[in-house]
Amino acid sequence: MACPTCEQDVQWDMNRLQKLEERWVMACKNCCDPFFSVSEEEKEIILEGIRLTEAYVPDIIHAYHSEDVKNLPSRIGFEKHGKMVL
């Protein structure tokens, strides 16, 4: 995500949200202008989504490294009727 004011890349970090009146705001580290704002309800929905993702989405990179990938095909293709072939 880029800051609309200074156009610097801004790292998304929910820990950087700060309460400003009725909204939660994230400011750019470079220019300090706010670039992201959510309500209390939206913040809780985002945090719940993060918790659910961490709990139920597998760590694909770790799973890949724990598999014997040398014996897996490196290419896949699709035949005319959508059947996958290795």
PDB file of N, CA and C in Angstrom:
ATOM      1  N   MET A   1       0.849  -1.159   0.000  1.00  0.00           N
ATOM      2  CA  MET A   1       0.000   0.000   0.000  1.00  0.00           C
ATOM      3  C   MET A   1       0.903   1.234   0.000  1.00  0.00           C
ATOM      4  N   ALA A   2       0.548   2.215  -0.767  1.00  0.00           N
ATOM      5  CA  ALA A   2       1.332   3.443  -0.839  1.00  0.00           C
ATOM      6  C   ALA A   2       0.571   4.585  -0.184  1.00  0.00           C
ATOM      7  N   CYS A   3       1.291   5.420   0.530  1.00  0.00           N
ATOM      8  CA  CYS A   3       0.703   6.603   1.156  1.00  0.00           C
ATOM      9  C   CYS A   3       0.287   7.563   0.046  1.00  0.00           C
ATOM     10  N   PRO A   4      -0.955   8.057   0.072  1.00  0.00           N
ATOM     11  CA  PRO A   4      -1.392   8.977  -0.978  1.00  0.00           C
ATOM     12  C   PRO A   4      -0.701  10.338  -0.909  1.00  0.00           C
ATOM     13  N   THR A   5      -0.141  10.700   0.234  1.00  0.00           N
ATOM     14  CA  THR A   5       0.509  12.004   0.376  1.00  0.00           C
ATOM     15  C   THR A   5       1.948  11.979  -0.116  1.00  0.00           C
ATOM     16  N   CYS A   6       2.755  11.060   0.425  1.00  0.00           N
ATOM     17  CA  CYS A   6       4.184  11.048   0.075  1.00  0.00           C
ATOM     18  C   CYS A   6       4.554   9.925  -0.888  1.00  0.00           C
ATOM     19  N   GLU A   7       3.585   9.047  -1.198  1.00  0.00           N
ATOM     20  CA  GLU A   7       3.755   7.941  -2.139  1.00  0.00           C
ATOM     21  C   GLU A   7       4.799   6.907  -1.711  1.00  0.00           C
ATOM     22  N   GLN A   8       5.147   6.887  -0.428  1.00  0.00           N
ATOM     23  CA  GLN A   8       6.057   5.880   0.092  1.00  0.00           C
ATOM     24  C   GLN A   8       5.270   4.602   0.363  1.00  0.00           C
ATOM     25  N   ASP A   9       5.924   3.458   0.196  1.00  0.00           N
ATOM     26  CA  ASP A   9       5.284   2.199   0.549  1.00  0.00           C
ATOM     27  C   ASP A   9       5.057   2.175   2.053  1.00  0.00           C
ATOM     28  N   VAL A  10       3.866   1.776   2.440  1.00  0.00           N
ATOM     29  CA  VAL A  10       3.509   1.717   3.847  1.00  0.00           C
ATOM     30  C   VAL A  10       3.192   0.279   4.197  1.00  0.00           C
ATOM     31  N   GLN A  11       3.833  -0.233   5.222  1.00  0.00           N
ATOM     32  CA  GLN A  11       3.605  -1.611   5.658  1.00  0.00           C
ATOM     33  C   GLN A  11       2.318  -1.670   6.481  1.00  0.00           C
ATOM     34  N   TRP A  12       1.469  -2.592   6.112  1.00  0.00           N
ATOM     35  CA  TRP A  12       0.201  -2.806   6.808  1.00  0.00           C
ATOM     36  C   TRP A  12       0.493  -3.437   8.155  1.00  0.00           C
ATOM     37  N   ASP A  13       0.035  -2.799   9.251  1.00  0.00           N
ATOM     38  CA  ASP A  13       0.267  -3.332  10.589  1.00  0.00           C
ATOM     39  C   ASP A  13      -0.869  -2.879  11.497  1.00  0.00           C
ATOM     40  N   MET A  14      -1.753  -3.787  11.848  1.00  0.00           N
ATOM     41  CA  MET A  14      -2.895  -3.453  12.691  1.00  0.00           C
ATOM     42  C   MET A  14      -2.454  -2.932  14.057  1.00  0.00           C
ATOM     43  N   ASN A  15      -1.242  -3.253  14.489  1.00  0.00           N
ATOM     44  CA  ASN A  15      -0.742  -2.763  15.767  1.00  0.00           C
ATOM     45  C   ASN A  15      -0.466  -1.261  15.741  1.00  0.00           C
ATOM     46  N   ARG A  16      -0.402  -0.664  14.552  1.00  0.00           N
ATOM     47  CA  ARG A  16      -0.143   0.763  14.428  1.00  0.00           C
ATOM     48  C   ARG A  16      -1.412   1.603  14.406  1.00  0.00           C
ATOM     49  N   LEU A  17      -2.585   0.969  14.518  1.00  0.00           N
ATOM     50  CA  LEU A  17      -3.833   1.734  14.566  1.00  0.00           C
ATOM     51  C   LEU A  17      -3.886   2.549  15.855  1.00  0.00           C
ATOM     52  N   GLN A  18      -4.330   3.791  15.728  1.00  0.00           N
ATOM     53  CA  GLN A  18      -4.480   4.665  16.883  1.00  0.00           C
ATOM     54  C   GLN A  18      -5.892   5.237  16.890  1.00  0.00           C
ATOM     55  N   LYS A  19      -6.467   5.342  18.081  1.00  0.00           N
ATOM     56  CA  LYS A  19      -7.826   5.867  18.221  1.00  0.00           C
ATOM     57  C   LYS A  19      -7.802   7.382  18.019  1.00  0.00           C
ATOM     58  N   LEU A  20      -8.625   7.862  17.101  1.00  0.00           N
ATOM     59  CA  LEU A  20      -8.752   9.281  16.829  1.00  0.00           C
ATOM     60  C   LEU A  20     -10.241   9.594  16.759  1.00  0.00           C
ATOM     61  N   GLU A  21     -10.765  10.171  17.823  1.00  0.00           N
ATOM     62  CA  GLU A  21     -12.192  10.422  17.974  1.00  0.00           C
ATOM     63  C   GLU A  21     -12.957   9.105  17.858  1.00  0.00           C
ATOM     64  N   GLU A  22     -13.814   8.955  16.861  1.00  0.00           N
ATOM     65  CA  GLU A  22     -14.633   7.739  16.722  1.00  0.00           C
ATOM     66  C   GLU A  22     -14.020   6.700  15.785  1.00  0.00           C
ATOM     67  N   ARG A  23     -12.851   6.965  15.241  1.00  0.00           N
ATOM     68  CA  ARG A  23     -12.242   6.082  14.240  1.00  0.00           C
ATOM     69  C   ARG A  23     -10.901   5.565  14.733  1.00  0.00           C
ATOM     70  N   TRP A  24     -10.469   4.467  14.144  1.00  0.00           N
ATOM     71  CA  TRP A  24      -9.119   3.943  14.323  1.00  0.00           C
ATOM     72  C   TRP A  24      -8.347   4.293  13.063  1.00  0.00           C
ATOM     73  N   VAL A  25      -7.208   4.947  13.222  1.00  0.00           N
ATOM     74  CA  VAL A  25      -6.464   5.509  12.103  1.00  0.00           C
ATOM     75  C   VAL A  25      -5.043   4.967  12.087  1.00  0.00           C
ATOM     76  N   MET A  26      -4.535   4.706  10.874  1.00  0.00           N
ATOM     77  CA  MET A  26      -3.137   4.332  10.695  1.00  0.00           C
ATOM     78  C   MET A  26      -2.469   5.463   9.920  1.00  0.00           C
ATOM     79  N   ALA A  27      -1.339   5.940  10.442  1.00  0.00           N
ATOM     80  CA  ALA A  27      -0.624   7.044   9.804  1.00  0.00           C
ATOM     81  C   ALA A  27       0.651   6.532   9.143  1.00  0.00           C
ATOM     82  N   CYS A  28       1.083   7.234   8.117  1.00  0.00           N
ATOM     83  CA  CYS A  28       2.322   6.920   7.400  1.00  0.00           C
ATOM     84  C   CYS A  28       3.518   7.179   8.320  1.00  0.00           C
ATOM     85  N   LYS A  29       4.457   6.256   8.369  1.00  0.00           N
ATOM     86  CA  LYS A  29       5.664   6.442   9.174  1.00  0.00           C
ATOM     87  C   LYS A  29       6.522   7.581   8.639  1.00  0.00           C
ATOM     88  N   ASN A  30       6.450   7.820   7.345  1.00  0.00           N
ATOM     89  CA  ASN A  30       7.292   8.828   6.704  1.00  0.00           C
ATOM     90  C   ASN A  30       6.768  10.254   6.915  1.00  0.00           C
ATOM     91  N   CYS A  31       5.509  10.522   6.547  1.00  0.00           N
ATOM     92  CA  CYS A  31       4.965  11.886   6.606  1.00  0.00           C
ATOM     93  C   CYS A  31       3.948  12.096   7.724  1.00  0.00           C
ATOM     94  N   CYS A  32       3.549  11.023   8.384  1.00  0.00           N
ATOM     95  CA  CYS A  32       2.594  11.043   9.508  1.00  0.00           C
ATOM     96  C   CYS A  32       1.161  11.378   9.110  1.00  0.00           C
ATOM     97  N   ASP A  33       0.869  11.465   7.823  1.00  0.00           N
ATOM     98  CA  ASP A  33      -0.506  11.685   7.396  1.00  0.00           C
ATOM     99  C   ASP A  33      -1.302  10.389   7.529  1.00  0.00           C
ATOM    100  N   PRO A  34      -2.551  10.468   7.980  1.00  0.00           N
ATOM    101  CA  PRO A  34      -3.371   9.251   8.061  1.00  0.00           C
ATOM    102  C   PRO A  34      -3.716   8.764   6.656  1.00  0.00           C
ATOM    103  N   PHE A  35      -3.593   7.459   6.448  1.00  0.00           N
ATOM    104  CA  PHE A  35      -3.904   6.899   5.126  1.00  0.00           C
ATOM    105  C   PHE A  35      -4.930   5.790   5.200  1.00  0.00           C
ATOM    106  N   PHE A  36      -5.315   5.386   6.407  1.00  0.00           N
ATOM    107  CA  PHE A  36      -6.256   4.285   6.567  1.00  0.00           C
ATOM    108  C   PHE A  36      -7.087   4.555   7.810  1.00  0.00           C
ATOM    109  N   SER A  37      -8.394   4.351   7.729  1.00  0.00           N
ATOM    110  CA  SER A  37      -9.279   4.632   8.847  1.00  0.00           C
ATOM    111  C   SER A  37     -10.409   3.618   8.868  1.00  0.00           C
ATOM    112  N   VAL A  38     -10.718   3.105  10.052  1.00  0.00           N
ATOM    113  CA  VAL A  38     -11.812   2.147  10.205  1.00  0.00           C
ATOM    114  C   VAL A  38     -12.596   2.467  11.483  1.00  0.00           C
ATOM    115  N   SER A  39     -13.840   2.019  11.501  1.00  0.00           N
ATOM    116  CA  SER A  39     -14.659   2.155  12.704  1.00  0.00           C
ATOM    117  C   SER A  39     -14.260   1.050  13.688  1.00  0.00           C
ATOM    118  N   GLU A  40     -14.763   1.132  14.899  1.00  0.00           N
ATOM    119  CA  GLU A  40     -14.507   0.094  15.912  1.00  0.00           C
ATOM    120  C   GLU A  40     -15.001  -1.262  15.406  1.00  0.00           C
ATOM    121  N   GLU A  41     -16.200  -1.283  14.817  1.00  0.00           N
ATOM    122  CA  GLU A  41     -16.771  -2.532  14.301  1.00  0.00           C
ATOM    123  C   GLU A  41     -15.923  -3.100  13.160  1.00  0.00           C
ATOM    124  N   GLU A  42     -15.509  -2.252  12.229  1.00  0.00           N
ATOM    125  CA  GLU A  42     -14.667  -2.711  11.116  1.00  0.00           C
ATOM    126  C   GLU A  42     -13.333  -3.258  11.622  1.00  0.00           C
ATOM    127  N   LYS A  43     -12.759  -2.591  12.620  1.00  0.00           N
ATOM    128  CA  LYS A  43     -11.493  -3.046  13.208  1.00  0.00           C
ATOM    129  C   LYS A  43     -11.657  -4.448  13.793  1.00  0.00           C
ATOM    130  N   GLU A  44     -12.742  -4.675  14.537  1.00  0.00           N
ATOM    131  CA  GLU A  44     -12.974  -5.980  15.144  1.00  0.00           C
ATOM    132  C   GLU A  44     -13.199  -7.059  14.087  1.00  0.00           C
ATOM    133  N   ILE A  45     -13.871  -6.722  13.000  1.00  0.00           N
ATOM    134  CA  ILE A  45     -14.088  -7.678  11.901  1.00  0.00           C
ATOM    135  C   ILE A  45     -12.751  -8.058  11.271  1.00  0.00           C
ATOM    136  N   ILE A  46     -11.899  -7.072  11.042  1.00  0.00           N
ATOM    137  CA  ILE A  46     -10.570  -7.338  10.461  1.00  0.00           C
ATOM    138  C   ILE A  46      -9.748  -8.215  11.393  1.00  0.00           C
ATOM    139  N   LEU A  47      -9.737  -7.887  12.693  1.00  0.00           N
ATOM    140  CA  LEU A  47      -8.964  -8.673  13.660  1.00  0.00           C
ATOM    141  C   LEU A  47      -9.490 -10.110  13.758  1.00  0.00           C
ATOM    142  N   GLU A  48     -10.799 -10.284  13.704  1.00  0.00           N
ATOM    143  CA  GLU A  48     -11.369 -11.637  13.732  1.00  0.00           C
ATOM    144  C   GLU A  48     -10.968 -12.412  12.481  1.00  0.00           C
ATOM    145  N   GLY A  49     -10.951 -11.738  11.332  1.00  0.00           N
ATOM    146  CA  GLY A  49     -10.495 -12.380  10.094  1.00  0.00           C
ATOM    147  C   GLY A  49      -9.048 -12.816  10.193  1.00  0.00           C
ATOM    148  N   ILE A  50      -8.208 -11.989  10.792  1.00  0.00           N
ATOM    149  CA  ILE A  50      -6.797 -12.348  10.980  1.00  0.00           C
ATOM    150  C   ILE A  50      -6.684 -13.561  11.897  1.00  0.00           C
ATOM    151  N   ARG A  51      -7.452 -13.561  13.005  1.00  0.00           N
ATOM    152  CA  ARG A  51      -7.415 -14.703  13.939  1.00  0.00           C
ATOM    153  C   ARG A  51      -7.870 -15.998  13.250  1.00  0.00           C
ATOM    154  N   LEU A  52      -8.959 -15.918  12.480  1.00  0.00           N
ATOM    155  CA  LEU A  52      -9.455 -17.106  11.777  1.00  0.00           C
ATOM    156  C   LEU A  52      -8.449 -17.597  10.737  1.00  0.00           C
ATOM    157  N   THR A  53      -7.828 -16.672  10.026  1.00  0.00           N
ATOM    158  CA  THR A  53      -6.817 -17.047   9.030  1.00  0.00           C
ATOM    159  C   THR A  53      -5.650 -17.758   9.694  1.00  0.00           C
ATOM    160  N   GLU A  54      -5.151 -17.187  10.784  1.00  0.00           N
ATOM    161  CA  GLU A  54      -4.024 -17.806  11.489  1.00  0.00           C
ATOM    162  C   GLU A  54      -4.392 -19.187  12.035  1.00  0.00           C
ATOM    163  N   ALA A  55      -5.640 -19.353  12.464  1.00  0.00           N
ATOM    164  CA  ALA A  55      -6.065 -20.621  13.058  1.00  0.00           C
ATOM    165  C   ALA A  55      -6.355 -21.709  12.030  1.00  0.00           C
ATOM    166  N   TYR A  56      -6.884 -21.335  10.865  1.00  0.00           N
ATOM    167  CA  TYR A  56      -7.395 -22.357   9.958  1.00  0.00           C
ATOM    168  C   TYR A  56      -6.725 -22.451   8.588  1.00  0.00           C
ATOM    169  N   VAL A  57      -5.909 -21.486   8.205  1.00  0.00           N
ATOM    170  CA  VAL A  57      -5.251 -21.554   6.907  1.00  0.00           C
ATOM    171  C   VAL A  57      -3.874 -22.180   7.111  1.00  0.00           C
ATOM    172  N   PRO A  58      -3.580 -23.239   6.388  1.00  0.00           N
ATOM    173  CA  PRO A  58      -2.299 -23.918   6.606  1.00  0.00           C
ATOM    174  C   PRO A  58      -1.109 -23.055   6.205  1.00  0.00           C
ATOM    175  N   ASP A  59      -0.012 -23.301   6.862  1.00  0.00           N
ATOM    176  CA  ASP A  59       1.239 -22.638   6.516  1.00  0.00           C
ATOM    177  C   ASP A  59       1.795 -23.368   5.293  1.00  0.00           C
ATOM    178  N   ILE A  60       1.477 -22.861   4.111  1.00  0.00           N
ATOM    179  CA  ILE A  60       1.816 -23.533   2.854  1.00  0.00           C
ATOM    180  C   ILE A  60       3.323 -23.686   2.693  1.00  0.00           C
ATOM    181  N   ILE A  61       4.078 -22.654   3.024  1.00  0.00           N
ATOM    182  CA  ILE A  61       5.538 -22.727   2.862  1.00  0.00           C
ATOM    183  C   ILE A  61       6.110 -23.808   3.758  1.00  0.00           C
ATOM    184  N   HIS A  62       5.667 -23.861   5.025  1.00  0.00           N
ATOM    185  CA  HIS A  62       6.157 -24.901   5.941  1.00  0.00           C
ATOM    186  C   HIS A  62       5.738 -26.284   5.451  1.00  0.00           C
ATOM    187  N   ALA A  63       4.496 -26.415   5.010  1.00  0.00           N
ATOM    188  CA  ALA A  63       4.011 -27.703   4.516  1.00  0.00           C
ATOM    189  C   ALA A  63       4.798 -28.137   3.285  1.00  0.00           C
ATOM    190  N   TYR A  64       5.108 -27.232   2.391  1.00  0.00           N
ATOM    191  CA  TYR A  64       5.877 -27.543   1.191  1.00  0.00           C
ATOM    192  C   TYR A  64       7.265 -28.046   1.558  1.00  0.00           C
ATOM    193  N   HIS A  65       7.911 -27.386   2.509  1.00  0.00           N
ATOM    194  CA  HIS A  65       9.258 -27.795   2.907  1.00  0.00           C
ATOM    195  C   HIS A  65       9.274 -29.128   3.642  1.00  0.00           C
ATOM    196  N   SER A  66       8.162 -29.502   4.268  1.00  0.00           N
ATOM    197  CA  SER A  66       8.130 -30.768   4.984  1.00  0.00           C
ATOM    198  C   SER A  66       7.786 -31.941   4.065  1.00  0.00           C
ATOM    199  N   GLU A  67       7.350 -31.669   2.837  1.00  0.00           N
ATOM    200  CA  GLU A  67       7.026 -32.718   1.869  1.00  0.00           C
ATOM    201  C   GLU A  67       8.274 -33.130   1.089  1.00  0.00           C
ATOM    202  N   ASP A  68       8.223 -34.329   0.541  1.00  0.00           N
ATOM    203  CA  ASP A  68       9.294 -34.793  -0.342  1.00  0.00           C
ATOM    204  C   ASP A  68       8.950 -34.292  -1.742  1.00  0.00           C
ATOM    205  N   VAL A  69       9.341 -33.062  -2.030  1.00  0.00           N
ATOM    206  CA  VAL A  69       8.947 -32.425  -3.284  1.00  0.00           C
ATOM    207  C   VAL A  69       9.736 -32.921  -4.486  1.00  0.00           C
ATOM    208  N   LYS A  70      10.794 -33.646  -4.254  1.00  0.00           N
ATOM    209  CA  LYS A  70      11.579 -34.156  -5.386  1.00  0.00           C
ATOM    210  C   LYS A  70      10.764 -35.110  -6.240  1.00  0.00           C
ATOM    211  N   ASN A  71       9.799 -35.802  -5.638  1.00  0.00           N
ATOM    212  CA  ASN A  71       9.001 -36.782  -6.366  1.00  0.00           C
ATOM    213  C   ASN A  71       7.687 -36.204  -6.905  1.00  0.00           C
ATOM    214  N   LEU A  72       7.472 -34.921  -6.700  1.00  0.00           N
ATOM    215  CA  LEU A  72       6.262 -34.301  -7.232  1.00  0.00           C
ATOM    216  C   LEU A  72       6.523 -33.765  -8.633  1.00  0.00           C
ATOM    217  N   PRO A  73       5.512 -33.812  -9.514  1.00  0.00           N
ATOM    218  CA  PRO A  73       5.712 -33.265 -10.859  1.00  0.00           C
ATOM    219  C   PRO A  73       5.880 -31.748 -10.801  1.00  0.00           C
ATOM    220  N   SER A  74       6.673 -31.232 -11.693  1.00  0.00           N
ATOM    221  CA  SER A  74       6.892 -29.788 -11.709  1.00  0.00           C
ATOM    222  C   SER A  74       5.992 -29.085 -12.720  1.00  0.00           C
ATOM    223  N   ARG A  75       5.234 -29.852 -13.507  1.00  0.00           N
ATOM    224  CA  ARG A  75       4.355 -29.252 -14.503  1.00  0.00           C
ATOM    225  C   ARG A  75       2.990 -29.913 -14.444  1.00  0.00           C
ATOM    226  N   ILE A  76       1.974 -29.116 -14.675  1.00  0.00           N
ATOM    227  CA  ILE A  76       0.638 -29.666 -14.847  1.00  0.00           C
ATOM    228  C   ILE A  76       0.063 -29.060 -16.110  1.00  0.00           C
ATOM    229  N   GLY A  77      -0.907 -29.700 -16.660  1.00  0.00           N
ATOM    230  CA  GLY A  77      -1.570 -29.195 -17.853  1.00  0.00           C
ATOM    231  C   GLY A  77      -3.035 -29.584 -17.801  1.00  0.00           C
ATOM    232  N   PHE A  78      -3.807 -29.089 -18.736  1.00  0.00           N
ATOM    233  CA  PHE A  78      -5.229 -29.403 -18.783  1.00  0.00           C
ATOM    234  C   PHE A  78      -5.580 -29.863 -20.183  1.00  0.00           C
ATOM    235  N   GLU A  79      -6.287 -30.991 -20.225  1.00  0.00           N
ATOM    236  CA  GLU A  79      -6.757 -31.494 -21.500  1.00  0.00           C
ATOM    237  C   GLU A  79      -7.977 -30.685 -21.934  1.00  0.00           C
ATOM    238  N   LYS A  80      -8.490 -30.989 -23.095  1.00  0.00           N
ATOM    239  CA  LYS A  80      -9.589 -30.247 -23.697  1.00  0.00           C
ATOM    240  C   LYS A  80     -10.814 -30.164 -22.804  1.00  0.00           C
ATOM    241  N   HIS A  81     -11.140 -31.188 -22.055  1.00  0.00           N
ATOM    242  CA  HIS A  81     -12.362 -31.223 -21.245  1.00  0.00           C
ATOM    243  C   HIS A  81     -12.108 -30.826 -19.793  1.00  0.00           C
ATOM    244  N   GLY A  82     -11.006 -30.174 -19.512  1.00  0.00           N
ATOM    245  CA  GLY A  82     -10.736 -29.672 -18.188  1.00  0.00           C
ATOM    246  C   GLY A  82     -10.093 -30.663 -17.239  1.00  0.00           C
ATOM    247  N   LYS A  83      -9.793 -31.882 -17.725  1.00  0.00           N
ATOM    248  CA  LYS A  83      -9.172 -32.877 -16.861  1.00  0.00           C
ATOM    249  C   LYS A  83      -7.705 -32.482 -16.653  1.00  0.00           C
ATOM    250  N   MET A  84      -7.277 -32.511 -15.383  1.00  0.00           N
ATOM    251  CA  MET A  84      -5.900 -32.150 -15.087  1.00  0.00           C
ATOM    252  C   MET A  84      -4.994 -33.349 -15.345  1.00  0.00           C
ATOM    253  N   VAL A  85      -3.843 -33.106 -15.977  1.00  0.00           N
ATOM    254  CA  VAL A  85      -2.859 -34.138 -16.222  1.00  0.00           C
ATOM    255  C   VAL A  85      -1.520 -33.689 -15.656  1.00  0.00           C
ATOM    256  N   LEU A  86      -0.771 -34.640 -15.129  1.00  0.00           N
ATOM    257  CA  LEU A  86       0.540 -34.340 -14.562  1.00  0.00           C
ATOM    258  C   LEU A  86       1.635 -34.780 -15.502  1.00  0.00           C
TER     259      LEU A  86
END
